[in-house]
Amino acid sequence: MLNLRAVRSVFALATACAVVAAGPLPAAAQSAKPGTSAAAPARALEGIAAVVNDDAVSMSDVQARLRLSLLNAGVSETEETRQRILPQVLRQLVDERLQLQEARRLGVSVSEQEIEEGIARIAEQVRMSPAGLKSFLQQRGVSMSTLTYQVRATLAWQKVMQRRIRQEIAVGEEEIDAALERLKANIGKPEYRVAEIFLSIDRPEQDEQVRRAAERLVEEIRRGGNFAAVARQFSQSAGAANGGDIGWVQPGEMSDELAQALSQMRPGQMSPPVRSAGGYHILFLRDRRAIGAGATEMELNPPPPPPVQSPPKPDLRRATVQMKQIVLPAPNPEAVPAIAKQAEEMRKALKGCAAFDARARAIGNDASGDMGTLRVRDMPGPLQQLVVNIPIGEPSPVLTSAAGAVILMVCKRDVPMIPGEVVQPPAPPPVKVEAAPARMPTREEIHNDLVGERAELLSRRYLRDLRRAAFVEYRV
């Protein structure tokens, strides 16, 4: 999607935003050029998923990226989900091989320090230390080399694109003037704050495959996946680094197909896959406003707050407990304090139902011992709360009366829960917003936006040409 004001530059693909959007680097490939004899035996042993010119993508590469993609996208890791996502993951790995091969051809390299800095930015983005991020991934079965490889590929492609942008992109003053005139003419017309997931189509025969991939992503998001996380993992637009967010766009800045889809959406809605000349887009409409208005649609008409469900409560009518008790009778009311003190000392030494039962038998009075299974509803009110909440196998506080002291212990408990009530919080009061004059972007902002727009197109076309010229063989 072309966006005159959202895509600041292709350098927005910063690794700090590509959180755990990683691809694997086998140990052998770290010390030998991919495709050489040092890397080939290890890959042959584990199986090859795809061949990319003189390089290969191993099955372990695919599995590592797949595991990481599911983790970051927030979708459940089931066999069905893995099969849905696998084709897109494999395509990403193939693209990364092509990007790194092109970087090597042009003599572009990424230093270890640059990689460490990229990982540090990622760790900071997710509020972890680099060591903490490494531990987080390893605990979930993902090698740190997976993230390292993705950072290397991302930084290398950025450097390649920086070189191409300097050589091929120039924005003249007359183009800035024309952009300003278009913006002035659009005052009062709708504009949309949009996030997108874009999957490109390089050859006509890929249409069906890419469409199915887009539909699978839509289904995973509807099942509970996070749109922004899925965009970071799979989108091929410059906004991917920002969770797919491309900012505010106007109908004249996008294709007719996308403008038509957005005109029929409400803020908060996600579209099905929409075909454009370059591929398939999944759109998420974050907000809408008239150009020059003082507030957005979401500000003027905020959605009602979601219903709140109170915590579940124990159903005391059906609850049962299996209890034991120790009873220390007092010969007269004056002896109760001494008996209570004795009971407290005894209580501190009781650990578990077996020890409690043994002590009850040792006391030797008929009142002490196993009380069997009791219905909570038959007990006095204060005692109901005690037996429902006391930890199983721990003695209760000493209970005293004029007759003496009692210690209770719950050894088994069955307490059905009553679901909490669903309450709809009151809607926020209407927001009164004064109309404000439209703010026109500066010439520098328009220049940067035009560079960013063209850089995104250049990046897509560059990668498309690399795909068309490459020998790629898929084996899964």
Protein backbone atom coordinates (compact mmCIF):
# COMPACT_ATOMS: atom_id res chain seq x y z
CA MET A 1 0.00 0.00 0.00
CA LEU A 2 1.32 3.39 -0.98
CA ASN A 3 1.11 5.89 1.82
CA LEU A 4 2.27 9.45 1.29
CA ARG A 5 2.53 10.28 4.97
CA ALA A 6 3.07 7.05 6.85
CA VAL A 7 6.17 5.36 5.46
CA ARG A 8 8.99 7.59 6.63
CA SER A 9 11.67 5.52 4.91
CA VAL A 10 12.64 2.00 4.15
CA PHE A 11 14.94 2.23 7.16
CA ALA A 12 11.78 1.89 9.31
CA LEU A 13 12.49 -1.82 9.04
CA ALA A 14 14.53 -1.49 12.21
CA THR A 15 15.45 -4.70 13.95
CA ALA A 16 14.33 -3.24 17.27
CA CYS A 17 10.75 -3.62 16.04
CA ALA A 18 11.25 -7.03 14.43
CA VAL A 19 10.99 -8.72 17.81
CA VAL A 20 11.84 -12.41 17.59
CA ALA A 21 11.01 -12.46 13.88
CA ALA A 22 13.99 -14.71 13.53
CA GLY A 23 15.42 -17.26 11.13
CA PRO A 24 17.92 -20.01 11.96
CA LEU A 25 21.60 -20.23 11.27
CA PRO A 26 23.00 -23.75 11.69
CA ALA A 27 26.26 -23.96 13.56
CA ALA A 28 28.18 -25.02 10.47
CA ALA A 29 26.87 -22.06 8.52
CA GLN A 30 28.31 -19.60 11.00
CA SER A 31 31.84 -20.56 10.07
CA ALA A 32 31.43 -21.53 6.40
CA LYS A 33 29.73 -19.97 3.43
CA PRO A 34 26.26 -21.50 3.01
CA GLY A 35 26.27 -24.05 0.24
CA THR A 36 29.92 -25.06 0.73
CA SER A 37 31.02 -28.54 1.73
CA ALA A 38 31.24 -27.57 5.42
CA ALA A 39 27.53 -26.79 5.60
CA ALA A 40 26.22 -29.45 3.22
CA PRO A 41 26.80 -32.65 5.29
CA ALA A 42 24.95 -31.31 8.35
CA ARG A 43 22.02 -30.22 6.23
CA ALA A 44 21.98 -33.52 4.33
CA LEU A 45 21.69 -35.40 7.59
CA GLU A 46 18.73 -33.37 8.77
CA GLY A 47 16.93 -32.98 5.41
CA ILE A 48 16.58 -30.11 2.96
CA ALA A 49 13.38 -28.06 2.78
CA ALA A 50 14.44 -25.83 -0.13
CA VAL A 51 17.44 -25.10 -2.34
CA VAL A 52 18.16 -21.45 -3.13
CA ASN A 53 20.86 -21.10 -5.81
CA ASP A 54 23.97 -22.50 -4.07
CA ASP A 55 22.43 -22.35 -0.59
CA ALA A 56 19.89 -24.50 1.22
CA VAL A 57 17.17 -24.18 3.81
CA SER A 58 17.20 -27.18 6.15
CA MET A 59 14.24 -28.76 7.86
CA SER A 60 15.64 -27.64 11.20
CA ASP A 61 15.74 -24.07 9.82
CA VAL A 62 12.05 -24.32 9.05
CA GLN A 63 11.12 -25.89 12.38
CA ALA A 64 13.06 -23.29 14.38
CA ARG A 65 11.46 -20.38 12.51
CA LEU A 66 8.04 -22.00 12.70
CA ARG A 67 8.29 -22.41 16.47
CA LEU A 68 9.44 -18.82 16.88
CA SER A 69 6.76 -17.42 14.56
CA LEU A 70 4.00 -19.15 16.50
CA LEU A 71 5.46 -17.95 19.79
CA ASN A 72 5.67 -14.34 18.68
CA ALA A 73 2.34 -14.27 16.84
CA GLY A 74 0.51 -15.47 19.95
CA VAL A 75 -1.30 -18.35 18.26
CA SER A 76 -1.69 -21.85 19.66
CA GLU A 77 0.96 -24.36 18.60
CA THR A 78 -1.09 -27.22 17.21
CA GLU A 79 -0.29 -29.47 14.29
CA GLU A 80 -3.04 -27.80 12.28
CA THR A 81 -1.62 -24.34 13.00
CA ARG A 82 1.90 -25.45 12.10
CA GLN A 83 0.70 -26.76 8.75
CA ARG A 84 -1.19 -23.53 8.07
CA ILE A 85 1.81 -21.30 8.74
CA LEU A 86 4.58 -23.50 7.31
CA PRO A 87 4.36 -22.35 3.64
CA GLN A 88 4.71 -18.68 4.58
CA VAL A 89 7.58 -19.42 6.98
CA LEU A 90 9.44 -21.34 4.27
CA ARG A 91 8.94 -18.50 1.80
CA GLN A 92 10.38 -16.02 4.29
CA LEU A 93 13.46 -18.19 4.78
CA VAL A 94 13.97 -18.41 1.03
CA ASP A 95 13.71 -14.61 0.75
CA GLU A 96 16.31 -14.19 3.50
CA ARG A 97 18.72 -16.48 1.65
CA LEU A 98 18.25 -14.37 -1.48
CA GLN A 99 18.80 -11.13 0.43
CA LEU A 100 22.01 -12.40 2.03
CA GLN A 101 23.28 -13.76 -1.28
CA GLU A 102 22.71 -10.35 -2.90
CA ALA A 103 24.47 -8.63 -0.01
CA ARG A 104 27.49 -10.92 -0.47
CA ARG A 105 27.50 -10.24 -4.21
CA LEU A 106 27.63 -6.50 -3.56
CA GLY A 107 30.29 -6.83 -0.86
CA VAL A 108 27.91 -5.78 1.91
CA SER A 109 28.68 -7.26 5.31
CA VAL A 110 27.32 -6.97 8.83
CA SER A 111 29.73 -6.91 11.77
CA GLU A 112 29.27 -8.91 14.96
CA GLN A 113 29.02 -5.64 16.87
CA GLU A 114 26.13 -4.50 14.67
CA ILE A 115 24.36 -7.79 15.31
CA GLU A 116 24.88 -7.48 19.07
CA GLU A 117 23.51 -3.94 18.97
CA GLY A 118 20.49 -5.14 17.01
CA ILE A 119 19.80 -7.88 19.54
CA ALA A 120 20.22 -5.39 22.38
CA ARG A 121 17.59 -3.14 20.76
CA ILE A 122 15.23 -6.07 20.46
CA ALA A 123 15.78 -7.00 24.11
CA GLU A 124 15.11 -3.41 25.14
CA GLN A 125 11.93 -3.37 23.05
CA VAL A 126 10.56 -6.37 24.97
CA ARG A 127 11.91 -5.05 28.29
CA MET A 128 14.55 -7.72 28.75
CA SER A 129 18.30 -7.84 28.92
CA PRO A 130 20.08 -9.63 26.05
CA ALA A 131 20.82 -12.50 28.45
CA GLY A 132 17.20 -12.55 29.56
CA LEU A 133 16.00 -12.66 25.96
CA LYS A 134 18.36 -15.55 25.22
CA SER A 135 17.07 -17.45 28.24
CA PHE A 136 13.46 -16.71 27.28
CA LEU A 137 13.96 -18.20 23.82
CA GLN A 138 15.94 -21.22 25.01
CA GLN A 139 13.29 -22.10 27.60
CA ARG A 140 10.83 -22.30 24.72
CA GLY A 141 13.04 -24.45 22.56
CA VAL A 142 14.37 -21.70 20.27
CA SER A 143 18.10 -21.30 19.73
CA MET A 144 19.61 -17.82 19.95
CA SER A 145 21.18 -18.46 16.53
CA THR A 146 17.67 -18.19 15.09
CA LEU A 147 17.37 -14.58 16.20
CA THR A 148 20.99 -13.84 15.29
CA TYR A 149 20.47 -14.99 11.72
CA GLN A 150 17.36 -12.88 11.25
CA VAL A 151 19.10 -9.78 12.59
CA ARG A 152 21.99 -10.40 10.18
CA ALA A 153 19.62 -10.77 7.20
CA THR A 154 17.62 -7.68 8.15
CA LEU A 155 20.68 -5.46 8.62
CA ALA A 156 22.29 -6.71 5.41
CA TRP A 157 19.17 -5.95 3.37
CA GLN A 158 18.92 -2.50 4.94
CA LYS A 159 22.46 -1.74 3.82
CA VAL A 160 21.72 -3.00 0.31
CA MET A 161 18.63 -0.79 0.13
CA GLN A 162 20.48 2.24 1.48
CA ARG A 163 22.95 1.93 -1.39
CA ARG A 164 20.16 1.58 -3.96
CA ILE A 165 18.19 4.51 -2.51
CA ARG A 166 21.19 6.83 -2.74
CA GLN A 167 21.71 5.80 -6.36
CA GLU A 168 18.14 5.62 -7.69
CA ILE A 169 15.75 7.78 -5.65
CA ALA A 170 15.56 11.52 -6.08
CA VAL A 171 12.61 13.78 -5.21
CA GLY A 172 12.31 17.15 -6.98
CA GLU A 173 10.79 20.36 -5.68
CA GLU A 174 7.98 20.18 -8.25
CA GLU A 175 6.96 16.78 -6.87
CA ILE A 176 6.74 18.21 -3.36
CA ASP A 177 4.61 21.09 -4.69
CA ALA A 178 2.25 18.63 -6.39
CA ALA A 179 1.93 16.57 -3.21
CA LEU A 180 1.05 19.68 -1.21
CA GLU A 181 -1.64 20.63 -3.71
CA ARG A 182 -3.16 17.15 -3.52
CA LEU A 183 -3.26 17.36 0.27
CA LYS A 184 -5.00 20.76 0.18
CA ALA A 185 -7.58 19.45 -2.29
CA ASN A 186 -8.44 16.60 0.06
CA ILE A 187 -9.45 18.78 3.03
CA GLY A 188 -12.74 17.41 4.41
CA LYS A 189 -12.45 14.03 2.69
CA PRO A 190 -12.07 10.83 4.74
CA GLU A 191 -8.74 9.40 5.71
CA TYR A 192 -8.02 6.14 7.45
CA ARG A 193 -5.51 5.00 10.03
CA VAL A 194 -4.60 1.56 8.75
CA ALA A 195 -2.47 -1.43 9.59
CA GLU A 196 -1.87 -4.08 6.97
CA ILE A 197 -0.33 -7.45 6.28
CA PHE A 198 0.92 -7.61 2.69
CA LEU A 199 1.90 -10.78 0.80
CA SER A 200 3.38 -10.14 -2.63
CA ILE A 201 2.75 -12.05 -5.87
CA ASP A 202 5.71 -12.24 -8.22
CA ARG A 203 4.22 -14.52 -10.90
CA PRO A 204 0.57 -15.03 -11.95
CA GLU A 205 0.73 -18.73 -11.11
CA GLN A 206 1.42 -17.82 -7.45
CA ASP A 207 -1.97 -16.14 -6.99
CA GLU A 208 -3.80 -19.12 -5.53
CA GLN A 209 -0.94 -20.06 -3.22
CA VAL A 210 -0.55 -16.53 -1.83
CA ARG A 211 -4.32 -16.11 -1.46
CA ARG A 212 -4.51 -19.29 0.62
CA ALA A 213 -1.60 -18.09 2.75
CA ALA A 214 -3.41 -14.80 3.40
CA GLU A 215 -6.62 -16.62 4.30
CA ARG A 216 -4.71 -18.82 6.76
CA LEU A 217 -3.28 -15.72 8.47
CA VAL A 218 -6.76 -14.17 8.73
CA GLU A 219 -8.09 -17.34 10.33
CA GLU A 220 -5.25 -17.49 12.85
CA ILE A 221 -5.84 -13.87 13.87
CA ARG A 222 -9.56 -14.53 14.28
CA ARG A 223 -8.70 -17.51 16.47
CA GLY A 224 -6.91 -15.21 18.87
CA GLY A 225 -3.63 -14.25 17.22
CA ASN A 226 -2.32 -10.71 17.57
CA PHE A 227 -2.56 -8.70 14.31
CA ALA A 228 0.57 -6.64 15.01
CA ALA A 229 2.64 -9.71 15.92
CA VAL A 230 1.47 -11.60 12.82
CA ALA A 231 2.31 -8.54 10.70
CA ARG A 232 5.85 -8.42 12.13
CA GLN A 233 6.28 -12.10 11.32
CA PHE A 234 4.80 -12.33 7.84
CA SER A 235 4.04 -8.97 6.20
CA GLN A 236 6.26 -7.91 3.31
CA SER A 237 5.59 -4.18 3.53
CA ALA A 238 7.74 -1.53 5.19
CA GLY A 239 5.14 -1.14 7.94
CA ALA A 240 5.79 -4.71 9.09
CA ALA A 241 8.41 -3.49 11.55
CA ASN A 242 5.73 -1.36 13.23
CA GLY A 243 3.23 -4.17 13.56
CA GLY A 244 1.80 -3.40 10.12
CA ASP A 245 0.84 0.18 11.08
CA ILE A 246 1.21 2.49 8.07
CA GLY A 247 -0.43 5.55 9.62
CA TRP A 248 -3.09 7.78 8.07
CA VAL A 249 -3.86 7.24 4.39
CA GLN A 250 -6.29 8.87 1.96
CA PRO A 251 -8.26 7.21 -0.83
CA GLY A 252 -6.09 8.80 -3.53
CA GLU A 253 -2.96 7.28 -1.96
CA MET A 254 -4.04 3.67 -2.42
CA SER A 255 -5.43 1.41 -5.09
CA ASP A 256 -9.15 1.45 -5.84
CA GLU A 257 -9.54 -2.07 -4.41
CA LEU A 258 -8.11 -1.08 -1.04
CA ALA A 259 -10.01 2.22 -0.91
CA GLN A 260 -13.26 0.37 -1.61
CA ALA A 261 -12.57 -2.16 1.14
CA LEU A 262 -11.77 0.54 3.71
CA SER A 263 -14.87 2.56 2.85
CA GLN A 264 -17.02 -0.39 3.94
CA MET A 265 -15.20 -1.04 7.22
CA ARG A 266 -15.71 0.31 10.74
CA PRO A 267 -12.84 1.14 13.12
CA GLY A 268 -11.70 -2.04 14.84
CA GLN A 269 -12.54 -4.31 11.89
CA MET A 270 -10.20 -6.55 9.87
CA SER A 271 -10.80 -7.25 6.20
CA PRO A 272 -10.55 -10.56 4.36
CA PRO A 273 -7.63 -10.72 1.92
CA VAL A 274 -7.93 -7.94 -0.71
CA ARG A 275 -6.21 -8.40 -4.09
CA SER A 276 -4.21 -5.51 -5.54
CA ALA A 277 -1.84 -5.38 -8.48
CA GLY A 278 1.09 -6.42 -6.27
CA GLY A 279 -0.44 -9.09 -4.06
CA TYR A 280 -2.88 -9.62 -1.21
CA HIS A 281 -3.52 -7.18 1.65
CA ILE A 282 -5.16 -7.89 5.00
CA LEU A 283 -6.36 -4.54 6.32
CA PHE A 284 -7.08 -3.52 9.89
CA LEU A 285 -8.90 -0.20 10.26
CA ARG A 286 -7.68 1.43 13.45
CA ASP A 287 -9.52 4.75 13.09
CA ARG A 288 -11.14 7.15 10.63
CA ARG A 289 -11.58 10.91 10.40
CA ALA A 290 -12.29 13.73 7.98
CA ILE A 291 -9.17 15.57 6.94
CA GLY A 292 -9.08 18.77 8.95
CA ALA A 293 -11.43 17.50 11.69
CA GLY A 294 -10.41 18.03 15.30
CA ALA A 295 -11.03 14.44 16.37
CA THR A 296 -11.18 10.93 15.00
CA GLU A 297 -14.22 8.68 14.82
CA MET A 298 -12.90 6.58 17.69
CA GLU A 299 -12.46 9.70 19.84
CA LEU A 300 -15.95 11.02 19.11
CA ASN A 301 -17.68 7.63 19.31
CA PRO A 302 -15.48 5.35 21.40
CA PRO A 303 -16.54 1.72 21.47
CA PRO A 304 -18.27 0.62 24.67
CA PRO A 305 -15.93 -0.87 27.22
CA PRO A 306 -15.88 -4.66 27.17
CA PRO A 307 -18.07 -6.49 29.68
CA VAL A 308 -16.40 -7.32 32.96
CA GLN A 309 -16.94 -10.66 34.65
CA SER A 310 -16.65 -10.80 38.40
CA PRO A 311 -14.50 -13.59 39.87
CA PRO A 312 -16.23 -16.95 40.39
CA LYS A 313 -17.53 -17.68 43.90
CA PRO A 314 -17.68 -20.98 45.78
CA ASP A 315 -21.05 -22.70 45.74
CA LEU A 316 -21.48 -23.38 49.46
CA ARG A 317 -24.77 -25.16 48.85
CA ARG A 318 -22.98 -28.04 47.12
CA ALA A 319 -19.56 -27.88 48.78
CA THR A 320 -18.31 -30.74 50.94
CA VAL A 321 -15.20 -31.16 53.08
CA GLN A 322 -13.53 -34.10 54.77
CA MET A 323 -12.35 -32.90 58.18
CA LYS A 324 -10.61 -33.97 61.34
CA GLN A 325 -10.66 -32.24 64.72
CA ILE A 326 -8.80 -32.18 68.01
CA VAL A 327 -10.89 -31.19 71.01
CA LEU A 328 -9.30 -30.09 74.29
CA PRO A 329 -12.14 -29.72 76.85
CA ALA A 330 -11.88 -27.22 79.71
CA PRO A 331 -13.06 -28.34 83.21
CA ASN A 332 -14.39 -24.83 83.84
CA PRO A 333 -14.49 -21.43 82.05
CA GLU A 334 -11.51 -20.15 84.07
CA ALA A 335 -9.32 -22.88 82.55
CA VAL A 336 -10.05 -21.88 78.92
CA PRO A 337 -7.04 -19.50 78.49
CA ALA A 338 -4.60 -22.21 79.66
CA ILE A 339 -6.27 -24.80 77.42
CA ALA A 340 -6.12 -22.40 74.47
CA LYS A 341 -2.39 -21.85 75.04
CA GLN A 342 -1.83 -25.60 75.14
CA ALA A 343 -3.82 -26.00 71.91
CA GLU A 344 -1.76 -23.30 70.19
CA GLU A 345 1.51 -25.06 71.02
CA MET A 346 0.06 -28.29 69.73
CA ARG A 347 -1.19 -26.62 66.53
CA LYS A 348 2.30 -25.37 65.61
CA ALA A 349 3.61 -28.94 65.54
CA LEU A 350 0.85 -30.39 63.34
CA LYS A 351 1.87 -30.93 59.70
CA GLY A 352 -0.42 -32.91 57.42
CA CYS A 353 -3.49 -35.09 57.92
CA ALA A 354 -1.59 -38.22 58.98
CA ALA A 355 0.18 -36.41 61.84
CA PHE A 356 -3.07 -34.71 62.84
CA ASP A 357 -4.93 -38.05 62.93
CA ALA A 358 -2.20 -39.65 65.03
CA ARG A 359 -2.29 -36.81 67.55
CA ALA A 360 -6.08 -36.98 67.75
CA ARG A 361 -5.91 -40.69 68.59
CA ALA A 362 -3.20 -40.05 71.20
CA ILE A 363 -5.42 -37.54 73.02
CA GLY A 364 -7.90 -40.32 73.53
CA ASN A 365 -11.20 -38.49 73.89
CA ASP A 366 -14.20 -39.47 71.78
CA ALA A 367 -14.66 -35.99 70.32
CA SER A 368 -11.23 -35.93 68.63
CA GLY A 369 -10.59 -37.69 65.34
CA ASP A 370 -12.07 -38.07 61.87
CA MET A 371 -15.36 -36.21 61.36
CA GLY A 372 -15.99 -37.76 57.93
CA THR A 373 -17.37 -35.87 54.92
CA LEU A 374 -19.56 -32.91 55.87
CA ARG A 375 -21.75 -30.54 53.89
CA VAL A 376 -20.56 -26.98 54.24
CA ARG A 377 -24.10 -25.62 54.16
CA ASP A 378 -24.85 -27.41 57.46
CA MET A 379 -22.15 -25.46 59.31
CA PRO A 380 -22.45 -22.05 61.00
CA GLY A 381 -21.69 -19.11 58.68
CA PRO A 382 -18.22 -18.17 60.02
CA LEU A 383 -17.16 -21.83 59.99
CA GLN A 384 -18.24 -22.18 56.34
CA GLN A 385 -15.75 -19.55 55.21
CA LEU A 386 -13.01 -21.11 57.36
CA VAL A 387 -13.32 -24.63 55.93
CA VAL A 388 -13.62 -23.37 52.35
CA ASN A 389 -10.53 -21.15 52.49
CA ILE A 390 -8.11 -22.93 54.87
CA PRO A 391 -5.27 -24.71 53.00
CA ILE A 392 -5.71 -28.47 52.84
CA GLY A 393 -3.50 -30.30 55.34
CA GLU A 394 -2.86 -27.23 57.51
CA PRO A 395 -4.36 -26.79 60.99
CA SER A 396 -6.92 -24.09 61.56
CA PRO A 397 -6.48 -21.32 64.12
CA VAL A 398 -7.46 -22.43 67.61
CA LEU A 399 -11.20 -22.01 68.14
CA THR A 400 -12.28 -21.44 71.77
CA SER A 401 -15.53 -21.47 73.66
CA ALA A 402 -16.57 -21.85 77.29
CA ALA A 403 -16.24 -25.63 76.80
CA GLY A 404 -12.58 -25.61 75.68
CA ALA A 405 -10.48 -25.37 72.51
CA VAL A 406 -10.78 -26.99 69.05
CA ILE A 407 -8.34 -27.36 66.14
CA LEU A 408 -9.67 -28.35 62.71
CA MET A 409 -7.94 -29.70 59.60
CA VAL A 410 -9.45 -30.11 56.12
CA CYS A 411 -8.02 -33.16 54.34
CA LYS A 412 -10.20 -33.15 51.24
CA ARG A 413 -12.48 -30.53 49.71
CA ASP A 414 -14.95 -30.43 46.85
CA VAL A 415 -16.19 -26.90 46.19
CA PRO A 416 -18.03 -26.27 42.90
CA MET A 417 -17.71 -22.71 41.66
CA ILE A 418 -20.45 -20.34 40.59
CA PRO A 419 -19.43 -18.33 37.49
CA GLY A 420 -19.07 -14.63 38.14
CA GLU A 421 -21.66 -12.21 36.87
CA VAL A 422 -21.04 -10.38 33.60
CA VAL A 423 -21.43 -6.65 34.10
CA GLN A 424 -21.39 -4.02 31.34
CA PRO A 425 -19.48 -0.95 32.61
CA PRO A 426 -21.09 2.39 31.82
CA ALA A 427 -20.10 3.96 28.51
CA PRO A 428 -17.72 6.92 28.75
CA PRO A 429 -19.35 10.34 28.42
CA PRO A 430 -19.36 11.94 24.95
CA VAL A 431 -16.21 13.83 24.07
CA LYS A 432 -16.62 17.42 22.94
CA VAL A 433 -13.82 18.33 20.57
CA GLU A 434 -13.38 21.74 19.05
CA ALA A 435 -12.78 21.86 15.33
CA ALA A 436 -9.16 22.53 14.46
CA PRO A 437 -7.60 23.72 11.23
CA ALA A 438 -5.90 21.07 9.16
CA ARG A 439 -2.18 20.86 9.70
CA MET A 440 -0.23 20.57 6.50
CA PRO A 441 3.01 18.62 6.60
CA THR A 442 6.27 20.44 6.04
CA ARG A 443 8.18 20.13 2.78
CA GLU A 444 10.80 18.05 4.57
CA GLU A 445 8.13 15.64 5.84
CA ILE A 446 6.68 15.28 2.35
CA HIS A 447 10.17 14.69 0.93
CA ASN A 448 10.82 11.95 3.48
CA ASP A 449 7.42 10.37 2.82
CA LEU A 450 7.99 10.29 -0.93
CA VAL A 451 11.42 8.73 -0.42
CA GLY A 452 9.91 6.14 1.91
CA GLU A 453 7.10 5.35 -0.52
CA ARG A 454 9.50 4.81 -3.38
CA ALA A 455 11.94 2.89 -1.21
CA GLU A 456 9.21 0.40 -0.32
CA LEU A 457 8.33 -0.08 -3.99
CA LEU A 458 12.00 -0.43 -4.87
CA SER A 459 12.51 -3.03 -2.11
CA ARG A 460 9.55 -5.09 -3.32
CA ARG A 461 10.65 -4.96 -6.96
CA TYR A 462 14.27 -5.71 -6.08
CA LEU A 463 13.30 -8.82 -4.12
CA ARG A 464 10.84 -9.85 -6.84
CA ASP A 465 13.61 -9.66 -9.45
CA LEU A 466 15.91 -11.72 -7.21
CA ARG A 467 13.22 -14.39 -6.91
CA ARG A 468 12.65 -14.48 -10.67
CA ALA A 469 16.35 -14.80 -11.46
CA ALA A 470 17.09 -17.41 -8.78
CA PHE A 471 17.02 -21.17 -8.89
CA VAL A 472 14.62 -22.13 -6.09
CA GLU A 473 13.52 -25.72 -5.51
CA TYR A 474 11.01 -26.48 -2.75
CA ARG A 475 11.18 -29.99 -1.33
CA VAL A 476 8.39 -29.86 1.26
